[in-house]
Amino acid sequence: MNDSAFHFEKSKSGEHTCSFEGKYLHSKYNPRAEGEKFAQNVQADFSPLCVFIIEPALSYCVSFLRQKFPTAKLYAIRFFDDFSDTDTLWDFVFYLKKYGKHTEHVPLSERLFNFLGEESLISSCFFDWHATQMLFPSESAETWQEIKKAILKARDVIGTRSYFSKRWFKNALIFTAHIQHPVVLEKTRLPILIAASGPSLHASIPYIKKFRSSFFLIALSSAFMPLAAHEITPNLVMSSDGGFWAKKHLDFHPQPSDTIFALETESAVPKSILESKKILPLIYEDSLGKDFLDSLSIPFLISKRNGTVAGTALEFAFDFTHEKIYVCGLDQAPAPAFQHTQPNALEIDNAQTDFKLRTKESRITFSRFRSETSLEIYRNWFISNSDYFAKRVFRLSDTGTYQYPLGKIKDIRWTDFERLNAEFILRDSSQQSKKTESNGHTPVQAHLRKETLQTKLKSIAQTKRFSEEVFPMEAILIRRELSQAKKQELQAQLEEKIEKFIHECERLF
């Protein structure tokens, strides 16, 4: 143990105990029996996947908790590293003020969410070790605030999935039914520039045009229209949004004819694009869309699920080149005027509803304040992952400064870009911008495609994976339920919902 304000000594039963300023964190007579009693007294009214103990000090309770919750993962949240010798007794240990050996503070709420995910958090129990709660009330209160943030975020993500999951599944079915020209790209040897549609994109457009031949350009869907308006052709346009309005970012004319669309099967996409454009299908590893594509031997690439398409694009780029990666227009902050560089498809639509009592100014102001919460979530994702990205990822602007930093990801100017990429800028532009693609796919006849997808749909609907993906909240409630009778009742209700949903899907054909 480290020398500190904690005092360690032998208890009457022979095990170590400890105190802080004369007050004991464990029994000075029999700390192991105290740990057993603690485990006996903790109660959960559902079947937890994870059990957390907040600063368990010397961790005498952990072996007894394993007996009480044999299928659950056991985690500790520590205030101090004085008890780190017992960390190996737990499945994992989180520190309130640090993460492992890192000194940079990433909020505990983000670390909990990133490590566990929404489903495990929703099915977690949290308990205080009673002595540390009383001796360190400020640390305890801060920890509970972080837990609350993590749980609220998990609840919101589950809520979003429950609301959109059926739409995403239908999108994947539509995607597979209508895609005609799938391609798979070879990795590029160029640096990659990812263009997001934040207000700062406008100032970067002259530089994108100037250095266009020196990078592989990925446009997020909302940046496609403003780039096209300045006659800039991206190598890829990427979309992962499954919402109805997302397809409007892709559905405009005129647009570059030879751009390839990198699309998640869950994306909302105009059928005209699926049928007429070259498509690079992207699949989340946990997505049921993979089963549909496999049934028709349609090639695809695996991508990583994120709350924002910018995160998906960044992880895609990280695997698609060994060179540096740059992002521009990634403001991640509410703007005083338009939240996106113009022209913007949704702004064009929204402007048609402006009138005297609901002006453009009031609408833009409302949009600004409404975006703050989601932007904070997106920023935290970049910050939490910035250690991984920092060596190769840079955020560009004409001034080199943004309102909010993104952890260890450096903000640089376009003059820095020119210096860092001199070798690419001097190369033959005709060779650099060339796209390499392969398409070994033979389109399936329409009637065979329909029959294959109908068969696959019925097969998928019988799996546990389907119910967990398309009906996540119902699946979680069934898994958490302790009563077998109630569990069976919930399962019967879920089966009715599945049958109704499959009929809806069949009507898509």
Protein backbone atom coordinates (compact mmCIF):
# COMPACT_ATOMS: atom_id res chain seq x y z
CA MET A 1 0.00 0.00 0.00
CA ASN A 2 1.12 3.59 -0.63
CA ASP A 3 2.03 5.98 2.18
CA SER A 4 -0.96 8.29 2.54
CA ALA A 5 -3.60 9.60 4.91
CA PHE A 6 -4.90 6.04 5.18
CA HIS A 7 -3.67 3.92 8.07
CA PHE A 8 -3.41 0.15 7.55
CA GLU A 9 -3.27 -2.34 10.40
CA LYS A 10 -4.20 -5.91 11.35
CA SER A 11 -7.76 -6.50 12.52
CA LYS A 12 -8.61 -8.76 15.46
CA SER A 13 -9.31 -11.61 13.01
CA GLY A 14 -5.92 -11.22 11.34
CA GLU A 15 -6.96 -9.56 8.04
CA HIS A 16 -5.86 -6.07 7.16
CA THR A 17 -8.21 -3.19 7.87
CA CYS A 18 -7.76 0.54 7.34
CA SER A 19 -8.84 3.88 8.69
CA PHE A 20 -8.84 7.50 7.59
CA GLU A 21 -8.24 10.21 10.20
CA GLY A 22 -9.15 7.73 12.91
CA LYS A 23 -12.37 6.52 11.25
CA TYR A 24 -12.46 2.95 9.97
CA LEU A 25 -13.36 1.98 6.40
CA HIS A 26 -13.64 -1.66 7.48
CA SER A 27 -14.36 -3.44 10.75
CA LYS A 28 -11.38 -3.48 13.08
CA TYR A 29 -12.60 -6.86 14.36
CA ASN A 30 -13.59 -8.96 11.31
CA PRO A 31 -13.61 -7.10 7.96
CA ARG A 32 -14.28 -10.27 5.94
CA ALA A 33 -17.48 -11.02 7.90
CA GLU A 34 -18.47 -7.39 7.37
CA GLY A 35 -17.98 -7.83 3.60
CA GLU A 36 -20.15 -10.97 3.65
CA LYS A 37 -22.92 -9.17 5.51
CA PHE A 38 -22.76 -6.28 3.02
CA ALA A 39 -23.18 -8.68 0.09
CA GLN A 40 -26.13 -10.37 1.80
CA ASN A 41 -27.88 -7.03 2.31
CA VAL A 42 -27.58 -5.59 -1.21
CA GLN A 43 -30.74 -6.25 -3.20
CA ALA A 44 -31.63 -5.99 -6.88
CA ASP A 45 -35.21 -6.13 -8.13
CA PHE A 46 -34.06 -7.35 -11.55
CA SER A 47 -31.38 -9.67 -12.91
CA PRO A 48 -28.31 -7.41 -13.37
CA LEU A 49 -25.64 -7.82 -16.01
CA CYS A 50 -23.23 -5.67 -13.98
CA VAL A 51 -22.85 -4.84 -10.30
CA PHE A 52 -20.85 -1.78 -9.24
CA ILE A 53 -19.47 -1.02 -5.77
CA ILE A 54 -18.40 2.57 -5.23
CA GLU A 55 -14.99 2.69 -3.52
CA PRO A 56 -14.96 -0.72 -1.83
CA ALA A 57 -11.55 0.05 -0.24
CA LEU A 58 -9.92 -3.35 0.53
CA SER A 59 -12.67 -5.19 -1.38
CA TYR A 60 -13.67 -7.80 1.19
CA CYS A 61 -17.16 -7.89 -0.30
CA VAL A 62 -16.17 -8.99 -3.81
CA SER A 63 -15.96 -12.78 -3.28
CA PHE A 64 -19.38 -12.79 -1.59
CA LEU A 65 -20.90 -10.67 -4.36
CA ARG A 66 -19.73 -13.28 -6.89
CA GLN A 67 -21.67 -15.90 -4.99
CA LYS A 68 -24.78 -13.72 -4.92
CA PHE A 69 -24.57 -12.56 -8.56
CA PRO A 70 -22.81 -15.48 -10.33
CA THR A 71 -23.66 -14.34 -13.87
CA ALA A 72 -22.95 -10.62 -13.40
CA LYS A 73 -19.74 -8.72 -14.06
CA LEU A 74 -18.39 -7.04 -10.92
CA TYR A 75 -16.89 -3.55 -11.16
CA ALA A 76 -15.45 -1.10 -8.66
CA ILE A 77 -15.41 2.70 -8.92
CA ARG A 78 -12.50 4.05 -6.92
CA PHE A 79 -11.78 7.48 -5.45
CA PHE A 80 -8.16 6.63 -4.58
CA ASP A 81 -5.34 4.39 -5.79
CA ASP A 82 -4.28 3.44 -2.24
CA PHE A 83 -6.28 0.22 -2.61
CA SER A 84 -5.05 -0.72 -6.09
CA ASP A 85 -3.49 -3.97 -4.80
CA THR A 86 -7.02 -5.42 -4.74
CA ASP A 87 -8.03 -4.20 -8.21
CA THR A 88 -7.41 -7.63 -9.73
CA LEU A 89 -10.26 -9.06 -7.66
CA TRP A 90 -12.73 -7.16 -9.87
CA ASP A 91 -13.59 -7.64 -13.52
CA PHE A 92 -12.60 -4.02 -14.06
CA VAL A 93 -11.91 -0.94 -11.94
CA PHE A 94 -12.87 2.61 -12.89
CA TYR A 95 -11.22 5.60 -11.22
CA LEU A 96 -13.20 8.76 -10.59
CA LYS A 97 -10.37 11.17 -11.42
CA LYS A 98 -8.22 9.19 -13.79
CA TYR A 99 -8.42 6.39 -16.33
CA GLY A 100 -5.76 3.74 -15.76
CA LYS A 101 -2.37 5.40 -16.05
CA HIS A 102 -3.66 8.40 -18.05
CA THR A 103 -3.52 11.75 -16.30
CA GLU A 104 -5.89 13.54 -18.69
CA HIS A 105 -9.38 13.57 -17.21
CA VAL A 106 -12.08 11.98 -19.33
CA PRO A 107 -15.43 12.20 -17.51
CA LEU A 108 -16.32 9.01 -15.67
CA SER A 109 -19.73 9.04 -17.33
CA GLU A 110 -18.10 8.79 -20.77
CA ARG A 111 -15.75 6.03 -19.67
CA LEU A 112 -18.64 4.03 -18.23
CA PHE A 113 -20.67 4.41 -21.41
CA ASN A 114 -17.78 3.68 -23.78
CA PHE A 115 -16.73 0.59 -21.83
CA LEU A 116 -20.14 -0.94 -21.18
CA GLY A 117 -22.51 0.38 -23.82
CA GLU A 118 -26.13 1.26 -23.31
CA GLU A 119 -27.60 -2.21 -22.73
CA SER A 120 -25.18 -3.20 -19.96
CA LEU A 121 -25.56 0.19 -18.26
CA ILE A 122 -29.36 -0.07 -18.29
CA SER A 123 -28.99 -3.49 -16.63
CA SER A 124 -26.49 -2.41 -13.96
CA CYS A 125 -26.80 -2.04 -10.17
CA PHE A 126 -24.76 0.50 -8.20
CA PHE A 127 -24.06 0.37 -4.46
CA ASP A 128 -21.95 2.48 -2.08
CA TRP A 129 -19.50 0.90 0.33
CA HIS A 130 -21.15 2.50 3.36
CA ALA A 131 -17.99 3.71 5.14
CA THR A 132 -16.47 5.50 2.13
CA GLN A 133 -19.80 7.13 1.36
CA MET A 134 -19.86 8.67 4.84
CA LEU A 135 -16.15 9.60 4.97
CA PHE A 136 -15.94 11.04 1.44
CA PRO A 137 -19.35 12.60 0.71
CA SER A 138 -18.14 14.98 -2.04
CA GLU A 139 -16.44 12.18 -4.01
CA SER A 140 -19.51 10.00 -3.52
CA ALA A 141 -21.85 12.75 -4.74
CA GLU A 142 -19.67 13.43 -7.79
CA THR A 143 -19.59 9.73 -8.63
CA TRP A 144 -23.36 9.45 -8.45
CA GLN A 145 -23.69 12.49 -10.73
CA GLU A 146 -21.44 10.81 -13.29
CA ILE A 147 -23.40 7.57 -12.99
CA LYS A 148 -26.61 9.51 -13.55
CA LYS A 149 -25.19 11.09 -16.72
CA ALA A 150 -24.11 7.70 -18.04
CA ILE A 151 -27.49 6.10 -17.29
CA LEU A 152 -29.40 9.00 -18.88
CA LYS A 153 -27.25 8.73 -21.99
CA ALA A 154 -27.80 4.97 -22.10
CA ARG A 155 -31.56 5.52 -21.68
CA ASP A 156 -31.58 8.04 -24.54
CA VAL A 157 -29.60 5.72 -26.83
CA ILE A 158 -31.93 2.81 -26.06
CA GLY A 159 -34.89 5.13 -26.65
CA THR A 160 -33.45 6.18 -30.01
CA ARG A 161 -32.81 2.58 -30.98
CA SER A 162 -36.32 1.55 -29.94
CA TYR A 163 -37.80 4.38 -31.99
CA PHE A 164 -35.64 3.97 -35.09
CA SER A 165 -34.68 0.27 -35.08
CA LYS A 166 -37.69 -0.77 -37.14
CA ARG A 167 -37.01 2.03 -39.60
CA TRP A 168 -33.35 0.98 -39.86
CA PHE A 169 -34.35 -2.63 -40.52
CA LYS A 170 -36.75 -1.58 -43.26
CA ASN A 171 -34.07 0.69 -44.72
CA ALA A 172 -31.70 -2.29 -44.93
CA LEU A 173 -34.38 -4.31 -46.71
CA ILE A 174 -35.04 -1.47 -49.18
CA PHE A 175 -31.30 -0.95 -49.66
CA THR A 176 -30.75 -4.59 -50.61
CA ALA A 177 -33.83 -4.73 -52.81
CA HIS A 178 -32.78 -1.72 -54.94
CA ILE A 179 -28.97 -1.52 -55.05
CA GLN A 180 -27.77 -2.16 -58.61
CA HIS A 181 -24.11 -1.08 -58.79
CA PRO A 182 -22.20 -2.11 -55.63
CA VAL A 183 -18.45 -1.50 -55.60
CA VAL A 184 -15.63 -2.15 -53.17
CA LEU A 185 -12.73 0.32 -53.10
CA GLU A 186 -9.07 -0.45 -52.67
CA LYS A 187 -7.31 1.51 -49.96
CA THR A 188 -5.86 4.86 -50.96
CA ARG A 189 -2.22 5.90 -50.64
CA LEU A 190 -3.26 9.52 -50.23
CA PRO A 191 -4.07 11.54 -47.13
CA ILE A 192 -7.81 11.77 -46.53
CA LEU A 193 -9.84 14.94 -46.03
CA ILE A 194 -13.26 14.55 -44.40
CA ALA A 195 -15.59 17.48 -45.05
CA ALA A 196 -18.31 18.08 -42.47
CA SER A 197 -20.92 20.81 -42.92
CA GLY A 198 -20.28 23.06 -39.91
CA PRO A 199 -20.22 26.81 -40.62
CA SER A 200 -16.40 26.85 -40.88
CA LEU A 201 -16.56 24.66 -43.99
CA HIS A 202 -17.37 27.75 -46.06
CA ALA A 203 -13.98 29.34 -45.32
CA SER A 204 -12.18 26.08 -46.18
CA ILE A 205 -13.75 25.66 -49.62
CA PRO A 206 -11.11 27.78 -51.48
CA TYR A 207 -8.38 25.62 -49.95
CA ILE A 208 -10.20 22.39 -50.79
CA LYS A 209 -10.31 23.54 -54.43
CA LYS A 210 -6.67 24.64 -54.36
CA PHE A 211 -5.31 21.36 -52.97
CA ARG A 212 -8.01 19.05 -54.34
CA SER A 213 -5.63 16.66 -56.11
CA SER A 214 -3.53 16.06 -52.99
CA PHE A 215 -6.07 14.12 -50.92
CA PHE A 216 -8.90 11.61 -51.08
CA LEU A 217 -12.05 13.59 -50.29
CA ILE A 218 -14.88 12.14 -48.18
CA ALA A 219 -17.93 14.38 -47.88
CA LEU A 220 -20.42 13.76 -45.12
CA SER A 221 -23.90 13.79 -46.62
CA SER A 222 -24.78 17.29 -45.38
CA ALA A 223 -21.54 18.66 -46.89
CA PHE A 224 -22.28 17.18 -50.34
CA MET A 225 -24.55 19.99 -51.53
CA PRO A 226 -22.29 22.94 -50.54
CA LEU A 227 -19.27 21.20 -52.12
CA ALA A 228 -21.23 20.49 -55.31
CA ALA A 229 -22.36 24.13 -55.41
CA HIS A 230 -18.66 25.06 -55.69
CA GLU A 231 -18.00 22.37 -58.31
CA ILE A 232 -16.02 20.16 -55.93
CA THR A 233 -16.43 16.44 -56.55
CA PRO A 234 -15.85 14.17 -53.54
CA ASN A 235 -14.37 10.73 -54.02
CA LEU A 236 -16.95 9.43 -51.54
CA VAL A 237 -20.16 10.79 -50.07
CA MET A 238 -20.92 9.08 -46.77
CA SER A 239 -24.29 8.76 -45.05
CA SER A 240 -25.30 6.70 -42.01
CA ASP A 241 -28.46 8.49 -40.89
CA GLY A 242 -31.60 6.37 -41.00
CA GLY A 243 -34.03 9.25 -40.47
CA PHE A 244 -36.45 10.28 -43.23
CA TRP A 245 -35.01 13.78 -43.66
CA ALA A 246 -31.45 12.49 -44.12
CA LYS A 247 -32.15 11.40 -47.70
CA LYS A 248 -32.75 15.02 -48.74
CA HIS A 249 -29.02 15.73 -48.39
CA LEU A 250 -28.43 13.26 -51.23
CA ASP A 251 -31.42 14.08 -53.42
CA PHE A 252 -30.58 17.24 -55.35
CA HIS A 253 -29.65 18.24 -58.91
CA PRO A 254 -27.28 18.81 -60.53
CA GLN A 255 -24.71 16.72 -58.69
CA PRO A 256 -21.39 15.13 -59.73
CA SER A 257 -21.99 12.07 -61.87
CA ASP A 258 -18.98 9.97 -60.89
CA THR A 259 -19.08 10.25 -57.10
CA ILE A 260 -19.32 6.99 -55.20
CA PHE A 261 -21.78 6.82 -52.29
CA ALA A 262 -20.58 5.04 -49.15
CA LEU A 263 -23.85 4.14 -47.43
CA GLU A 264 -24.82 2.15 -44.39
CA THR A 265 -27.55 -0.33 -45.20
CA GLU A 266 -29.58 1.36 -42.43
CA SER A 267 -29.32 4.76 -44.15
CA ALA A 268 -32.33 6.56 -45.56
CA VAL A 269 -31.43 6.81 -49.25
CA PRO A 270 -33.45 7.82 -52.34
CA LYS A 271 -34.18 4.71 -54.40
CA SER A 272 -33.00 6.57 -57.50
CA ILE A 273 -29.47 6.74 -56.06
CA LEU A 274 -29.47 3.05 -55.12
CA GLU A 275 -30.54 2.14 -58.63
CA SER A 276 -28.35 4.51 -60.67
CA LYS A 277 -25.18 5.31 -58.68
CA LYS A 278 -22.12 3.34 -57.66
CA ILE A 279 -22.61 2.32 -54.04
CA LEU A 280 -20.02 1.20 -51.50
CA PRO A 281 -22.20 -0.75 -49.02
CA LEU A 282 -21.18 -0.29 -45.38
CA ILE A 283 -22.35 -2.67 -42.68
CA TYR A 284 -22.22 -2.36 -38.92
CA GLU A 285 -20.99 -5.61 -37.41
CA ASP A 286 -24.17 -5.97 -35.36
CA SER A 287 -26.50 -5.05 -38.24
CA LEU A 288 -28.99 -7.51 -39.67
CA GLY A 289 -28.46 -5.88 -43.06
CA LYS A 290 -25.41 -8.12 -43.47
CA ASP A 291 -27.72 -11.13 -43.73
CA PHE A 292 -29.65 -9.52 -46.57
CA LEU A 293 -26.50 -8.59 -48.52
CA ASP A 294 -24.99 -12.04 -47.99
CA SER A 295 -28.15 -13.68 -49.33
CA LEU A 296 -27.58 -11.93 -52.67
CA SER A 297 -23.74 -12.08 -52.61
CA ILE A 298 -23.48 -8.29 -52.57
CA PRO A 299 -20.00 -7.13 -51.44
CA PHE A 300 -19.61 -4.72 -48.50
CA LEU A 301 -17.19 -3.27 -45.96
CA ILE A 302 -17.58 -3.45 -42.19
CA SER A 303 -17.87 -0.08 -40.43
CA LYS A 304 -18.22 1.01 -36.80
CA ARG A 305 -21.42 2.32 -35.29
CA ASN A 306 -21.28 5.85 -33.88
CA GLY A 307 -23.75 8.48 -32.77
CA THR A 308 -22.52 10.76 -35.55
CA VAL A 309 -21.59 10.11 -39.18
CA ALA A 310 -18.39 12.10 -38.59
CA GLY A 311 -17.24 9.42 -36.15
CA THR A 312 -18.12 6.64 -38.60
CA ALA A 313 -16.24 8.47 -41.38
CA LEU A 314 -13.18 9.02 -39.20
CA GLU A 315 -12.92 5.35 -38.23
CA PHE A 316 -13.46 4.36 -41.87
CA ALA A 317 -10.67 6.74 -42.98
CA PHE A 318 -8.36 5.41 -40.29
CA ASP A 319 -8.53 1.96 -41.90
CA PHE A 320 -8.64 3.26 -45.50
CA THR A 321 -5.24 5.00 -45.54
CA HIS A 322 -1.93 4.86 -43.70
CA GLU A 323 -1.41 8.58 -44.28
CA LYS A 324 -2.66 11.53 -42.25
CA ILE A 325 -6.36 12.31 -41.95
CA TYR A 326 -7.80 15.83 -41.91
CA VAL A 327 -11.28 17.04 -41.05
CA CYS A 328 -12.76 20.44 -41.81
CA GLY A 329 -16.16 21.92 -41.01
CA LEU A 330 -16.22 19.87 -37.81
CA ASP A 331 -17.14 22.81 -35.57
CA GLN A 332 -18.96 20.74 -32.92
CA ALA A 333 -20.35 23.99 -31.49
CA PRO A 334 -23.62 25.92 -31.91
CA ALA A 335 -23.27 28.87 -34.29
CA PRO A 336 -24.93 32.30 -33.95
CA ALA A 337 -26.43 31.99 -37.45
CA PHE A 338 -26.88 28.90 -39.66
CA GLN A 339 -25.71 25.67 -38.01
CA HIS A 340 -24.49 24.35 -41.38
CA THR A 341 -22.69 25.76 -44.39
CA GLN A 342 -25.16 26.78 -47.08
CA PRO A 343 -26.70 25.58 -49.30
CA ASN A 344 -28.23 22.97 -47.02
CA ALA A 345 -31.10 20.73 -48.08
CA LEU A 346 -32.97 20.93 -44.79
CA GLU A 347 -32.60 24.70 -44.59
CA ILE A 348 -34.07 25.02 -48.09
CA ASP A 349 -37.06 22.95 -46.96
CA ASN A 350 -37.47 24.74 -43.63
CA ALA A 351 -37.30 28.18 -45.21
CA GLN A 352 -40.51 27.46 -47.09
CA THR A 353 -42.44 27.44 -43.80
CA ASP A 354 -41.14 30.81 -42.55
CA PHE A 355 -43.77 33.49 -42.15
CA LYS A 356 -44.44 36.68 -40.20
CA LEU A 357 -45.17 35.01 -36.85
CA ARG A 358 -42.45 32.36 -37.25
CA THR A 359 -39.50 34.11 -38.81
CA LYS A 360 -36.24 32.70 -40.07
CA GLU A 361 -34.40 34.42 -37.19
CA SER A 362 -36.54 32.73 -34.51
CA ARG A 363 -36.19 29.36 -36.23
CA ILE A 364 -32.40 29.64 -36.46
CA THR A 365 -32.13 30.75 -32.83
CA PHE A 366 -34.23 27.80 -31.69
CA SER A 367 -32.06 25.44 -33.77
CA ARG A 368 -28.94 26.85 -32.16
CA PHE A 369 -30.02 26.16 -28.60
CA ARG A 370 -31.60 22.81 -29.45
CA SER A 371 -28.30 21.56 -30.89
CA GLU A 372 -26.18 22.18 -27.78
CA THR A 373 -26.92 18.87 -26.03
CA SER A 374 -26.29 16.66 -29.06
CA LEU A 375 -23.12 18.57 -29.95
CA GLU A 376 -21.78 18.03 -26.44
CA ILE A 377 -22.37 14.28 -26.83
CA TYR A 378 -20.55 14.29 -30.19
CA ARG A 379 -17.63 16.30 -28.75
CA ASN A 380 -17.28 13.87 -25.87
CA TRP A 381 -17.01 10.97 -28.31
CA PHE A 382 -14.09 12.63 -30.11
CA ILE A 383 -12.46 13.61 -26.81
CA SER A 384 -12.82 10.10 -25.37
CA ASN A 385 -11.19 8.59 -28.47
CA SER A 386 -8.62 11.32 -29.10
CA ASP A 387 -5.71 9.29 -27.68
CA TYR A 388 -6.26 6.77 -30.47
CA PHE A 389 -6.68 9.30 -33.28
CA ALA A 390 -4.21 12.01 -32.23
CA LYS A 391 -1.12 10.80 -34.11
CA ARG A 392 -2.76 10.87 -37.54
CA VAL A 393 -5.84 13.09 -37.29
CA PHE A 394 -5.90 16.90 -37.55
CA ARG A 395 -8.77 19.38 -37.61
CA LEU A 396 -8.42 22.09 -40.26
CA SER A 397 -9.71 25.64 -40.52
CA ASP A 398 -8.64 28.90 -42.12
CA THR A 399 -7.72 30.29 -38.68
CA GLY A 400 -6.58 27.14 -36.90
CA THR A 401 -8.92 27.73 -33.96
CA TYR A 402 -12.28 26.28 -32.96
CA GLN A 403 -14.53 27.13 -30.02
CA TYR A 404 -14.15 23.69 -28.45
CA PRO A 405 -11.04 21.48 -28.56
CA LEU A 406 -11.41 17.78 -29.33
CA GLY A 407 -9.08 16.32 -26.72
CA LYS A 408 -5.67 15.50 -28.18
CA ILE A 409 -6.72 16.01 -31.82
CA LYS A 410 -4.72 19.03 -32.99
CA ASP A 411 -6.32 22.06 -34.66
CA ILE A 412 -4.19 23.36 -37.54
CA ARG A 413 -4.36 25.91 -40.37
CA TRP A 414 -4.40 25.23 -44.08
CA THR A 415 -0.86 26.64 -44.25
CA ASP A 416 0.13 23.76 -41.95
CA PHE A 417 -1.66 21.34 -44.28
CA GLU A 418 0.36 22.65 -47.22
CA ARG A 419 3.61 22.15 -45.31
CA LEU A 420 2.71 18.67 -44.05
CA ASN A 421 1.59 17.44 -47.49
CA ALA A 422 4.13 19.04 -49.82
CA GLU A 423 5.05 15.69 -51.37
CA PHE A 424 1.45 14.96 -52.33
CA ILE A 425 0.76 18.47 -53.60
CA LEU A 426 3.71 18.22 -56.03
CA ARG A 427 2.69 14.87 -57.50
CA ASP A 428 0.83 14.38 -60.78
CA SER A 429 -2.77 15.23 -59.88
CA SER A 430 -4.25 12.95 -62.54
CA GLN A 431 -2.68 9.93 -60.84
CA GLN A 432 -3.55 10.96 -57.33
CA SER A 433 -7.27 11.51 -57.70
CA LYS A 434 -7.84 8.24 -59.55
CA LYS A 435 -10.30 5.97 -57.73
CA THR A 436 -9.60 2.25 -57.68
CA GLU A 437 -12.69 0.12 -57.49
CA SER A 438 -13.79 -3.40 -58.17
CA ASN A 439 -17.23 -4.73 -58.99
CA GLY A 440 -17.54 -8.47 -59.30
CA HIS A 441 -21.26 -8.41 -58.54
CA THR A 442 -23.76 -9.78 -61.03
CA PRO A 443 -27.19 -8.22 -60.47
CA VAL A 444 -29.88 -10.71 -59.45
CA GLN A 445 -33.08 -10.77 -61.49
CA ALA A 446 -35.90 -8.83 -59.83
CA HIS A 447 -38.21 -11.78 -59.15
CA LEU A 448 -35.39 -13.93 -57.72
CA ARG A 449 -34.21 -11.02 -55.59
CA LYS A 450 -37.71 -10.61 -54.14
CA GLU A 451 -38.08 -14.33 -53.38
CA THR A 452 -34.61 -14.53 -51.79
CA LEU A 453 -35.23 -11.51 -49.55
CA GLN A 454 -38.66 -12.75 -48.47
CA THR A 455 -37.17 -16.10 -47.48
CA LYS A 456 -34.31 -14.42 -45.62
CA LEU A 457 -36.73 -12.06 -43.86
CA LYS A 458 -38.78 -14.93 -42.45
CA SER A 459 -35.62 -16.75 -41.40
CA ILE A 460 -34.12 -13.74 -39.60
CA ALA A 461 -37.38 -13.01 -37.77
CA GLN A 462 -37.09 -16.33 -35.92
CA THR A 463 -33.74 -15.46 -34.33
CA LYS A 464 -33.00 -14.02 -30.89
CA ARG A 465 -30.65 -11.55 -32.57
CA PHE A 466 -33.55 -10.09 -34.54
CA SER A 467 -35.65 -9.41 -31.44
CA GLU A 468 -32.67 -7.85 -29.64
CA GLU A 469 -31.83 -5.60 -32.61
CA VAL A 470 -35.30 -4.53 -33.75
CA PHE A 471 -37.06 -4.59 -30.36
CA PRO A 472 -34.20 -3.68 -27.98
CA MET A 473 -36.29 -2.35 -25.10
CA GLU A 474 -38.60 -5.38 -25.07
CA ALA A 475 -35.58 -7.73 -25.17
CA ILE A 476 -33.93 -5.90 -22.26
CA LEU A 477 -37.09 -6.05 -20.14
CA ILE A 478 -37.39 -9.80 -20.73
CA ARG A 479 -33.75 -10.39 -19.83
CA ARG A 480 -34.02 -8.30 -16.63
CA GLU A 481 -37.23 -9.96 -15.38
CA LEU A 482 -36.87 -12.25 -12.36
CA SER A 483 -40.39 -13.75 -12.45
CA GLN A 484 -40.70 -16.61 -14.94
CA ALA A 485 -44.43 -16.01 -15.34
CA LYS A 486 -43.90 -12.33 -16.15
CA LYS A 487 -41.02 -13.25 -18.45
CA GLN A 488 -43.30 -15.56 -20.45
CA GLU A 489 -45.98 -12.90 -20.64
CA LEU A 490 -43.50 -10.35 -22.00
CA GLN A 491 -42.19 -12.90 -24.51
CA ALA A 492 -45.71 -13.57 -25.83
CA GLN A 493 -46.29 -9.83 -26.28
CA LEU A 494 -43.00 -9.52 -28.16
CA GLU A 495 -43.90 -12.36 -30.52
CA GLU A 496 -47.15 -10.59 -31.42
CA LYS A 497 -45.23 -7.40 -32.21
CA ILE A 498 -42.74 -9.32 -34.36
CA GLU A 499 -45.51 -10.97 -36.39
CA LYS A 500 -47.17 -7.61 -37.06
CA PHE A 501 -43.84 -6.01 -38.04
CA ILE A 502 -42.94 -8.80 -40.50
CA HIS A 503 -46.25 -8.24 -42.31
CA GLU A 504 -45.31 -4.55 -42.61
CA CYS A 505 -41.93 -5.50 -44.09
CA GLU A 506 -43.48 -7.86 -46.62
CA ARG A 507 -45.59 -5.00 -47.93
CA LEU A 508 -42.35 -3.20 -48.92
CA PHE A 509 -41.99 -5.68 -51.78
